[in-house]
Amino acid sequence: MDNIEGSGLTKNLIADSNNQYGSVETLNFERKEINLQQLKDVGAIQMIELG
């Protein structure tokens, strides 16, 4: 089952969840490591803790 929506989001496949979407799709064209903390520090992404 494919959960990629093509909109940058993924479909949430967790049966008991109220969320329609899951994780954000990412693709790195640069072929180098992306530091998510650096993106967070400049306000480019938001990290959400679950649980």
PDB file of N, CA and C in Angstrom:
ATOM      1  N   MET A   1       0.848  -1.187   0.000  1.00  0.00           N
ATOM      2  CA  MET A   1       0.000   0.000   0.000  1.00  0.00           C
ATOM      3  C   MET A   1       0.886   1.240   0.000  1.00  0.00           C
ATOM      4  N   ASP A   2       0.646   2.123  -0.908  1.00  0.00           N
ATOM      5  CA  ASP A   2       1.443   3.340  -1.060  1.00  0.00           C
ATOM      6  C   ASP A   2       0.798   4.468  -0.263  1.00  0.00           C
ATOM      7  N   ASN A   3       1.567   5.094   0.596  1.00  0.00           N
ATOM      8  CA  ASN A   3       1.005   6.180   1.385  1.00  0.00           C
ATOM      9  C   ASN A   3       1.519   7.551   0.956  1.00  0.00           C
ATOM     10  N   ILE A   4       2.211   7.631  -0.189  1.00  0.00           N
ATOM     11  CA  ILE A   4       2.703   8.910  -0.691  1.00  0.00           C
ATOM     12  C   ILE A   4       1.588   9.603  -1.452  1.00  0.00           C
ATOM     13  N   GLU A   5       1.293  10.851  -1.078  1.00  0.00           N
ATOM     14  CA  GLU A   5       0.188  11.601  -1.651  1.00  0.00           C
ATOM     15  C   GLU A   5       0.580  12.414  -2.886  1.00  0.00           C
ATOM     16  N   GLY A   6       1.868  12.729  -3.037  1.00  0.00           N
ATOM     17  CA  GLY A   6       2.302  13.569  -4.150  1.00  0.00           C
ATOM     18  C   GLY A   6       2.182  15.052  -3.862  1.00  0.00           C
ATOM     19  N   SER A   7       1.756  15.407  -2.664  1.00  0.00           N
ATOM     20  CA  SER A   7       1.577  16.809  -2.273  1.00  0.00           C
ATOM     21  C   SER A   7       2.635  17.263  -1.282  1.00  0.00           C
ATOM     22  N   GLY A   8       3.599  16.394  -0.986  1.00  0.00           N
ATOM     23  CA  GLY A   8       4.601  16.698   0.034  1.00  0.00           C
ATOM     24  C   GLY A   8       4.244  16.076   1.364  1.00  0.00           C
ATOM     25  N   LEU A   9       3.067  15.474   1.457  1.00  0.00           N
ATOM     26  CA  LEU A   9       2.624  14.817   2.683  1.00  0.00           C
ATOM     27  C   LEU A   9       2.395  13.335   2.416  1.00  0.00           C
ATOM     28  N   THR A  10       2.340  12.565   3.474  1.00  0.00           N
ATOM     29  CA  THR A  10       2.008  11.150   3.347  1.00  0.00           C
ATOM     30  C   THR A  10       0.688  10.886   4.051  1.00  0.00           C
ATOM     31  N   LYS A  11      -0.025   9.899   3.592  1.00  0.00           N
ATOM     32  CA  LYS A  11      -1.292   9.515   4.215  1.00  0.00           C
ATOM     33  C   LYS A  11      -0.986   8.813   5.533  1.00  0.00           C
ATOM     34  N   ASN A  12      -1.726   9.151   6.562  1.00  0.00           N
ATOM     35  CA  ASN A  12      -1.564   8.514   7.861  1.00  0.00           C
ATOM     36  C   ASN A  12      -2.250   7.151   7.821  1.00  0.00           C
ATOM     37  N   LEU A  13      -1.490   6.087   8.028  1.00  0.00           N
ATOM     38  CA  LEU A  13      -2.024   4.733   7.985  1.00  0.00           C
ATOM     39  C   LEU A  13      -2.282   4.160   9.378  1.00  0.00           C
ATOM     40  N   ILE A  14      -2.190   4.987  10.413  1.00  0.00           N
ATOM     41  CA  ILE A  14      -2.431   4.540  11.786  1.00  0.00           C
ATOM     42  C   ILE A  14      -3.936   4.549  12.036  1.00  0.00           C
ATOM     43  N   ALA A  15      -4.494   3.395  12.259  1.00  0.00           N
ATOM     44  CA  ALA A  15      -5.949   3.224  12.342  1.00  0.00           C
ATOM     45  C   ALA A  15      -6.607   4.080  13.431  1.00  0.00           C
ATOM     46  N   ASP A  16      -6.001   4.192  14.600  1.00  0.00           N
ATOM     47  CA  ASP A  16      -6.623   4.898  15.721  1.00  0.00           C
ATOM     48  C   ASP A  16      -6.259   6.378  15.790  1.00  0.00           C
ATOM     49  N   SER A  17      -5.617   6.917  14.767  1.00  0.00           N
ATOM     50  CA  SER A  17      -5.178   8.305  14.784  1.00  0.00           C
ATOM     51  C   SER A  17      -6.249   9.220  14.181  1.00  0.00           C
ATOM     52  N   ASN A  18      -6.352  10.429  14.724  1.00  0.00           N
ATOM     53  CA  ASN A  18      -7.264  11.433  14.177  1.00  0.00           C
ATOM     54  C   ASN A  18      -6.611  12.257  13.074  1.00  0.00           C
ATOM     55  N   ASN A  19      -5.313  12.053  12.827  1.00  0.00           N
ATOM     56  CA  ASN A  19      -4.583  12.819  11.822  1.00  0.00           C
ATOM     57  C   ASN A  19      -4.790  12.230  10.434  1.00  0.00           C
ATOM     58  N   GLN A  20      -5.106  13.071   9.471  1.00  0.00           N
ATOM     59  CA  GLN A  20      -5.292  12.629   8.094  1.00  0.00           C
ATOM     60  C   GLN A  20      -3.951  12.341   7.427  1.00  0.00           C
ATOM     61  N   TYR A  21      -2.915  13.138   7.778  1.00  0.00           N
ATOM     62  CA  TYR A  21      -1.614  13.010   7.135  1.00  0.00           C
ATOM     63  C   TYR A  21      -0.558  12.540   8.119  1.00  0.00           C
ATOM     64  N   GLY A  22       0.484  11.918   7.580  1.00  0.00           N
ATOM     65  CA  GLY A  22       1.609  11.433   8.373  1.00  0.00           C
ATOM     66  C   GLY A  22       2.820  12.323   8.179  1.00  0.00           C
ATOM     67  N   SER A  23       3.961  11.704   7.939  1.00  0.00           N
ATOM     68  CA  SER A  23       5.213  12.451   7.825  1.00  0.00           C
ATOM     69  C   SER A  23       5.302  13.213   6.511  1.00  0.00           C
ATOM     70  N   VAL A  24       6.188  14.192   6.494  1.00  0.00           N
ATOM     71  CA  VAL A  24       6.434  14.988   5.293  1.00  0.00           C
ATOM     72  C   VAL A  24       7.388  14.229   4.389  1.00  0.00           C
ATOM     73  N   GLU A  25       7.095  14.210   3.091  1.00  0.00           N
ATOM     74  CA  GLU A  25       7.993  13.577   2.129  1.00  0.00           C
ATOM     75  C   GLU A  25       9.228  14.449   1.977  1.00  0.00           C
ATOM     76  N   THR A  26      10.400  13.836   1.921  1.00  0.00           N
ATOM     77  CA  THR A  26      11.631  14.583   1.687  1.00  0.00           C
ATOM     78  C   THR A  26      12.420  13.931   0.562  1.00  0.00           C
ATOM     79  N   LEU A  27      13.109  14.745  -0.187  1.00  0.00           N
ATOM     80  CA  LEU A  27      13.947  14.262  -1.271  1.00  0.00           C
ATOM     81  C   LEU A  27      15.148  15.183  -1.368  1.00  0.00           C
ATOM     82  N   ASN A  28      16.322  14.606  -1.379  1.00  0.00           N
ATOM     83  CA  ASN A  28      17.543  15.388  -1.398  1.00  0.00           C
ATOM     84  C   ASN A  28      18.221  15.232  -2.758  1.00  0.00           C
ATOM     85  N   PHE A  29      18.189  16.285  -3.561  1.00  0.00           N
ATOM     86  CA  PHE A  29      18.838  16.258  -4.867  1.00  0.00           C
ATOM     87  C   PHE A  29      20.342  16.499  -4.772  1.00  0.00           C
ATOM     88  N   GLU A  30      20.794  17.038  -3.665  1.00  0.00           N
ATOM     89  CA  GLU A  30      22.193  17.430  -3.518  1.00  0.00           C
ATOM     90  C   GLU A  30      23.119  16.258  -3.219  1.00  0.00           C
ATOM     91  N   ARG A  31      22.557  15.123  -2.866  1.00  0.00           N
ATOM     92  CA  ARG A  31      23.351  13.930  -2.532  1.00  0.00           C
ATOM     93  C   ARG A  31      24.292  14.174  -1.348  1.00  0.00           C
ATOM     94  N   LYS A  32      23.850  15.024  -0.440  1.00  0.00           N
ATOM     95  CA  LYS A  32      24.628  15.246   0.768  1.00  0.00           C
ATOM     96  C   LYS A  32      23.685  15.225   1.964  1.00  0.00           C
ATOM     97  N   GLU A  33      24.240  15.025   3.118  1.00  0.00           N
ATOM     98  CA  GLU A  33      23.449  14.932   4.341  1.00  0.00           C
ATOM     99  C   GLU A  33      22.768  16.259   4.653  1.00  0.00           C
ATOM    100  N   ILE A  34      21.524  16.183   5.081  1.00  0.00           N
ATOM    101  CA  ILE A  34      20.776  17.369   5.488  1.00  0.00           C
ATOM    102  C   ILE A  34      20.713  17.389   7.011  1.00  0.00           C
ATOM    103  N   ASN A  35      21.061  18.501   7.599  1.00  0.00           N
ATOM    104  CA  ASN A  35      21.003  18.651   9.042  1.00  0.00           C
ATOM    105  C   ASN A  35      19.657  19.289   9.402  1.00  0.00           C
ATOM    106  N   LEU A  36      18.729  18.483   9.914  1.00  0.00           N
ATOM    107  CA  LEU A  36      17.398  18.988  10.237  1.00  0.00           C
ATOM    108  C   LEU A  36      17.431  20.038  11.339  1.00  0.00           C
ATOM    109  N   GLN A  37      18.385  19.941  12.252  1.00  0.00           N
ATOM    110  CA  GLN A  37      18.495  20.944  13.321  1.00  0.00           C
ATOM    111  C   GLN A  37      18.819  22.316  12.736  1.00  0.00           C
ATOM    112  N   GLN A  38      19.693  22.376  11.722  1.00  0.00           N
ATOM    113  CA  GLN A  38      20.012  23.652  11.087  1.00  0.00           C
ATOM    114  C   GLN A  38      18.778  24.237  10.401  1.00  0.00           C
ATOM    115  N   LEU A  39      17.984  23.408   9.741  1.00  0.00           N
ATOM    116  CA  LEU A  39      16.761  23.888   9.109  1.00  0.00           C
ATOM    117  C   LEU A  39      15.784  24.413  10.158  1.00  0.00           C
ATOM    118  N   LYS A  40      15.695  23.721  11.290  1.00  0.00           N
ATOM    119  CA  LYS A  40      14.821  24.166  12.382  1.00  0.00           C
ATOM    120  C   LYS A  40      15.289  25.516  12.933  1.00  0.00           C
ATOM    121  N   ASP A  41      16.601  25.655  13.103  1.00  0.00           N
ATOM    122  CA  ASP A  41      17.168  26.880  13.679  1.00  0.00           C
ATOM    123  C   ASP A  41      16.865  28.119  12.836  1.00  0.00           C
ATOM    124  N   VAL A  42      16.734  27.958  11.530  1.00  0.00           N
ATOM    125  CA  VAL A  42      16.446  29.113  10.659  1.00  0.00           C
ATOM    126  C   VAL A  42      14.964  29.227  10.331  1.00  0.00           C
ATOM    127  N   GLY A  43      14.125  28.386  10.955  1.00  0.00           N
ATOM    128  CA  GLY A  43      12.696  28.485  10.778  1.00  0.00           C
ATOM    129  C   GLY A  43      12.152  27.851   9.515  1.00  0.00           C
ATOM    130  N   ALA A  44      12.963  27.010   8.853  1.00  0.00           N
ATOM    131  CA  ALA A  44      12.545  26.391   7.605  1.00  0.00           C
ATOM    132  C   ALA A  44      11.624  25.190   7.833  1.00  0.00           C
ATOM    133  N   ILE A  45      11.747  24.549   8.985  1.00  0.00           N
ATOM    134  CA  ILE A  45      10.890  23.405   9.318  1.00  0.00           C
ATOM    135  C   ILE A  45      10.446  23.507  10.777  1.00  0.00           C
ATOM    136  N   GLN A  46       9.421  22.765  11.109  1.00  0.00           N
ATOM    137  CA  GLN A  46       8.956  22.676  12.490  1.00  0.00           C
ATOM    138  C   GLN A  46       8.947  21.203  12.871  1.00  0.00           C
ATOM    139  N   MET A  47       9.549  20.880  14.008  1.00  0.00           N
ATOM    140  CA  MET A  47       9.570  19.515  14.500  1.00  0.00           C
ATOM    141  C   MET A  47       8.458  19.354  15.539  1.00  0.00           C
ATOM    142  N   ILE A  48       7.725  18.274  15.444  1.00  0.00           N
ATOM    143  CA  ILE A  48       6.623  18.012  16.363  1.00  0.00           C
ATOM    144  C   ILE A  48       6.900  16.712  17.098  1.00  0.00           C
ATOM    145  N   GLU A  49       6.907  16.759  18.424  1.00  0.00           N
ATOM    146  CA  GLU A  49       7.122  15.564  19.218  1.00  0.00           C
ATOM    147  C   GLU A  49       5.815  14.811  19.390  1.00  0.00           C
ATOM    148  N   LEU A  50       5.866  13.515  19.262  1.00  0.00           N
ATOM    149  CA  LEU A  50       4.697  12.672  19.459  1.00  0.00           C
ATOM    150  C   LEU A  50       4.858  11.872  20.743  1.00  0.00           C
ATOM    151  N   GLY A  51       3.761  11.575  21.361  1.00  0.00           N
ATOM    152  CA  GLY A  51       3.789  10.713  22.528  1.00  0.00           C
ATOM    153  C   GLY A  51       3.749  11.483  23.761  1.00  0.00           C
TER     154      GLY A  51
END
